[in-house]
C-alpha atoms as a PDB file:
ATOM      1  CA  MET A   1      -2.912   2.940 -38.249  1.00  0.00           C
ATOM      2  CA  ALA A   2       0.028   3.223 -35.824  1.00  0.00           C
ATOM      3  CA  LYS A   3      -0.245   1.563 -32.421  1.00  0.00           C
ATOM      4  CA  GLY A   4      -1.253   3.984 -29.702  1.00  0.00           C
ATOM      5  CA  ARG A   5      -3.296   6.209 -32.024  1.00  0.00           C
ATOM      6  CA  LEU A   6      -7.067   6.057 -32.301  1.00  0.00           C
ATOM      7  CA  SER A   7      -8.963   6.526 -35.509  1.00  0.00           C
ATOM      8  CA  VAL A   8     -12.053   8.637 -34.969  1.00  0.00           C
ATOM      9  CA  THR A   9     -13.614   7.030 -38.032  1.00  0.00           C
ATOM     10  CA  ASP A  10     -13.033   3.417 -36.944  1.00  0.00           C
ATOM     11  CA  PRO A  11     -15.228   2.646 -33.883  1.00  0.00           C
ATOM     12  CA  GLU A  12     -14.058  -0.976 -33.743  1.00  0.00           C
ATOM     13  CA  GLU A  13     -10.402   0.032 -33.455  1.00  0.00           C
ATOM     14  CA  ALA A  14     -11.247   2.688 -30.861  1.00  0.00           C
ATOM     15  CA  SER A  15     -13.252   0.179 -28.813  1.00  0.00           C
ATOM     16  CA  SER A  16     -10.411  -2.335 -28.935  1.00  0.00           C
ATOM     17  CA  ALA A  17      -7.845   0.261 -27.830  1.00  0.00           C
ATOM     18  CA  LEU A  18     -10.036   1.466 -24.958  1.00  0.00           C
ATOM     19  CA  SER A  19     -10.597  -2.057 -23.656  1.00  0.00           C
ATOM     20  CA  GLN A  20      -6.916  -2.908 -23.167  1.00  0.00           C
ATOM     21  CA  LEU A  21      -6.071  -4.669 -19.936  1.00  0.00           C
ATOM     22  CA  ILE A  22      -3.080  -3.783 -17.810  1.00  0.00           C
ATOM     23  CA  HIS A  23      -1.663  -6.622 -15.778  1.00  0.00           C
ATOM     24  CA  LYS A  24       0.021  -5.941 -12.436  1.00  0.00           C
ATOM     25  CA  ALA A  25       3.433  -6.564 -13.939  1.00  0.00           C
ATOM     26  CA  GLY A  26       2.801  -3.709 -16.377  1.00  0.00           C
ATOM     27  CA  PHE A  27       2.772  -1.158 -13.562  1.00  0.00           C
ATOM     28  CA  GLN A  28       6.452  -1.878 -12.864  1.00  0.00           C
ATOM     29  CA  HIS A  29       7.294  -0.706 -16.382  1.00  0.00           C
ATOM     30  CA  MET A  30       5.221   2.477 -16.310  1.00  0.00           C
ATOM     31  CA  GLN A  31       7.021   5.778 -16.499  1.00  0.00           C
ATOM     32  CA  VAL A  32       5.434   8.238 -14.056  1.00  0.00           C
ATOM     33  CA  LEU A  33       5.189  11.642 -15.679  1.00  0.00           C
ATOM     34  CA  ARG A  34       3.532  13.701 -12.931  1.00  0.00           C
ATOM     35  CA  GLN A  35       0.745  14.016 -10.423  1.00  0.00           C
ATOM     36  CA  PHE A  36      -2.425  15.853 -11.354  1.00  0.00           C
ATOM     37  CA  ASN A  37      -4.976  17.519  -9.063  1.00  0.00           C
ATOM     38  CA  HIS A  38      -3.481  15.862  -5.924  1.00  0.00           C
ATOM     39  CA  GLY A  39      -5.226  12.591  -6.748  1.00  0.00           C
ATOM     40  CA  PHE A  40      -4.194  11.245 -10.124  1.00  0.00           C
ATOM     41  CA  ILE A  41      -0.934   9.913 -11.526  1.00  0.00           C
ATOM     42  CA  ILE A  42      -0.199  10.524 -15.190  1.00  0.00           C
ATOM     43  CA  SER A  43       1.973   7.738 -16.552  1.00  0.00           C
ATOM     44  CA  LEU A  44       3.201   6.223 -19.778  1.00  0.00           C
ATOM     45  CA  LEU A  45       3.469   2.550 -20.719  1.00  0.00           C
ATOM     46  CA  ASP A  46       5.020   2.003 -24.128  1.00  0.00           C
ATOM     47  CA  LYS A  47       3.198   4.646 -26.188  1.00  0.00           C
ATOM     48  CA  ASP A  48      -0.009   4.635 -24.148  1.00  0.00           C
ATOM     49  CA  LEU A  49      -0.876   7.354 -21.631  1.00  0.00           C
ATOM     50  CA  TYR A  50      -2.672   6.349 -18.417  1.00  0.00           C
ATOM     51  CA  ILE A  51      -4.405   8.364 -15.712  1.00  0.00           C
ATOM     52  CA  ILE A  52      -4.417   6.435 -12.439  1.00  0.00           C
ATOM     53  CA  ASP A  53      -6.719   7.296  -9.544  1.00  0.00           C
ATOM     54  CA  GLN A  54      -4.442   7.261  -6.483  1.00  0.00           C
ATOM     55  CA  HIS A  55      -7.318   6.870  -4.011  1.00  0.00           C
ATOM     56  CA  ALA A  56      -8.833   3.880  -5.828  1.00  0.00           C
ATOM     57  CA  SER A  57      -5.384   2.306  -6.260  1.00  0.00           C
ATOM     58  CA  GLY A  58      -4.710   2.635  -2.536  1.00  0.00           C
ATOM     59  CA  LYS A  59      -8.053   1.031  -1.672  1.00  0.00           C
ATOM     60  CA  LYS A  60      -7.367  -1.856  -4.056  1.00  0.00           C
ATOM     61  CA  TYR A  61      -3.893  -2.378  -2.568  1.00  0.00           C
ATOM     62  CA  ASN A  62      -5.241  -2.352   1.006  1.00  0.00           C
ATOM     63  CA  PHE A  63      -8.007  -4.794   0.073  1.00  0.00           C
ATOM     64  CA  GLU A  64      -5.526  -7.210  -1.505  1.00  0.00           C
ATOM     65  CA  GLN A  65      -3.266  -7.007   1.559  1.00  0.00           C
ATOM     66  CA  LEU A  66      -6.240  -7.680   3.842  1.00  0.00           C
ATOM     67  CA  LYS A  67      -7.254 -10.711   1.756  1.00  0.00           C
ATOM     68  CA  GLN A  68      -3.724 -12.131   1.963  1.00  0.00           C
ATOM     69  CA  GLN A  69      -3.075 -11.499   5.655  1.00  0.00           C
ATOM     70  CA  ALA A  70      -6.417 -11.512   7.467  1.00  0.00           C
ATOM     71  CA  GLN A  71      -7.827 -14.522   9.214  1.00  0.00           C
ATOM     72  CA  ILE A  72     -11.618 -14.461   9.241  1.00  0.00           C
ATOM     73  CA  SER A  73     -13.243 -15.934  12.310  1.00  0.00           C
ATOM     74  CA  SER A  74     -16.896 -15.885  13.211  1.00  0.00           C
ATOM     75  CA  GLN A  75     -18.717 -14.589  16.269  1.00  0.00           C
ATOM     76  CA  PRO A  76     -22.348 -15.310  17.119  1.00  0.00           C
ATOM     77  CA  PRO A  77     -24.550 -12.415  18.248  1.00  0.00           C
ATOM     78  CA  MET A  78     -26.231 -12.577  21.663  1.00  0.00           C
ATOM     79  CA  HIS A  79     -29.476 -13.587  19.925  1.00  0.00           C
ATOM     80  CA  PRO A  80     -29.841 -14.688  16.304  1.00  0.00           C
ATOM     81  CA  ALA A  81     -30.848 -11.532  14.456  1.00  0.00           C
ATOM     82  CA  VAL A  82     -33.759 -11.618  12.016  1.00  0.00           C
ATOM     83  CA  LEU A  83     -32.612 -10.149   8.725  1.00  0.00           C
ATOM     84  CA  GLU A  84     -35.452  -8.117   7.294  1.00  0.00           C
ATOM     85  CA  LEU A  85     -34.812  -8.466   3.583  1.00  0.00           C
ATOM     86  CA  GLY A  86     -36.835  -7.970   0.450  1.00  0.00           C
ATOM     87  CA  VAL A  87     -37.925 -11.054  -1.474  1.00  0.00           C
ATOM     88  CA  THR A  88     -35.059 -10.755  -3.976  1.00  0.00           C
ATOM     89  CA  ASP A  89     -32.373 -10.215  -1.319  1.00  0.00           C
ATOM     90  CA  GLU A  90     -33.748 -13.122   0.700  1.00  0.00           C
ATOM     91  CA  ALA A  91     -33.522 -15.400  -2.355  1.00  0.00           C
ATOM     92  CA  VAL A  92     -29.926 -14.267  -2.970  1.00  0.00           C
ATOM     93  CA  ALA A  93     -29.009 -14.901   0.688  1.00  0.00           C
ATOM     94  CA  SER A  94     -30.471 -18.402   0.458  1.00  0.00           C
ATOM     95  CA  GLU A  95     -28.762 -19.205  -2.854  1.00  0.00           C
ATOM     96  CA  CYS A  96     -25.375 -17.818  -1.777  1.00  0.00           C
ATOM     97  CA  ARG A  97     -25.106 -19.370   1.679  1.00  0.00           C
ATOM     98  CA  ASP A  98     -21.769 -21.026   0.848  1.00  0.00           C
ATOM     99  CA  ARG A  99     -20.279 -17.703  -0.222  1.00  0.00           C
ATOM    100  CA  LEU A 100     -21.617 -15.977   2.890  1.00  0.00           C
ATOM    101  CA  GLU A 101     -20.150 -18.714   5.128  1.00  0.00           C
ATOM    102  CA  ASN A 102     -16.761 -18.456   3.398  1.00  0.00           C
ATOM    103  CA  ASN A 103     -16.767 -14.812   4.477  1.00  0.00           C
ATOM    104  CA  GLY A 104     -17.822 -15.470   8.070  1.00  0.00           C
ATOM    105  CA  PHE A 105     -21.584 -14.907   7.814  1.00  0.00           C
ATOM    106  CA  PHE A 106     -23.630 -17.875   8.982  1.00  0.00           C
ATOM    107  CA  VAL A 107     -27.333 -17.641   8.209  1.00  0.00           C
ATOM    108  CA  ASP A 108     -30.212 -19.986   9.022  1.00  0.00           C
ATOM    109  CA  VAL A 109     -33.300 -19.858   6.862  1.00  0.00           C
ATOM    110  CA  ASP A 110     -36.577 -20.537   8.687  1.00  0.00           C
ATOM    111  CA  GLU A 111     -38.905 -21.802   5.956  1.00  0.00           C
ATOM    112  CA  ASP A 112     -41.914 -21.608   8.335  1.00  0.00           C
ATOM    113  CA  THR A 113     -41.614 -17.811   8.703  1.00  0.00           C
ATOM    114  CA  LEU A 114     -43.017 -15.077   6.444  1.00  0.00           C
ATOM    115  CA  THR A 115     -41.083 -14.177   3.322  1.00  0.00           C
ATOM    116  CA  GLY A 116     -38.751 -11.277   4.068  1.00  0.00           C
ATOM    117  CA  GLN A 117     -38.067 -12.495   7.636  1.00  0.00           C
ATOM    118  CA  ARG A 118     -36.787 -16.029   6.991  1.00  0.00           C
ATOM    119  CA  PRO A 119     -33.002 -15.520   7.219  1.00  0.00           C
ATOM    120  CA  ARG A 120     -31.545 -15.268  10.713  1.00  0.00           C
ATOM    121  CA  LEU A 121     -27.959 -14.212  11.299  1.00  0.00           C
ATOM    122  CA  LYS A 122     -26.311 -16.843  13.495  1.00  0.00           C
ATOM    123  CA  SER A 123     -22.750 -15.598  13.234  1.00  0.00           C
ATOM    124  CA  GLN A 124     -20.841 -12.724  11.650  1.00  0.00           C
ATOM    125  CA  PRO A 125     -17.202 -12.251  10.627  1.00  0.00           C
ATOM    126  CA  VAL A 126     -14.468 -10.908  12.874  1.00  0.00           C
ATOM    127  CA  ILE A 127     -11.084  -9.782  11.564  1.00  0.00           C
ATOM    128  CA  ASP A 128      -8.488  -8.516  14.029  1.00  0.00           C
ATOM    129  CA  LYS A 129     -11.101  -7.762  16.723  1.00  0.00           C
ATOM    130  CA  THR A 130     -13.339  -5.899  14.239  1.00  0.00           C
ATOM    131  CA  VAL A 131     -16.848  -7.322  13.929  1.00  0.00           C
ATOM    132  CA  PHE A 132     -18.388  -6.856  10.479  1.00  0.00           C
ATOM    133  CA  ASP A 133     -22.123  -6.581   9.941  1.00  0.00           C
END
């Protein structure tokens, strides 16, 4: 079967075609055909047609820019806040403390307290004078 065409009778080929990845460099080679419904870009790359969500693309771009440029600092609250979490969320918070700290959230876990009230927020991230919670 020719590249760019799907066979309705071959589910494996269809699945493979639908799971193609586009790398960032591929966007430079896309031919923009038109805008649809004030929110989607119809474009062509080689023989493949793509529908791109402009809103989602903008969010992704802004997020990547923020990751590259932002400096995360941390600010403690006036009083350490008790995080009232379910048992599962509390376990995740305990297991992922390194990841939380890398993103500006510093949490203490009080093992002597009731389950669901053990984590206490000691510090939260600040980026460009915006405090995240």
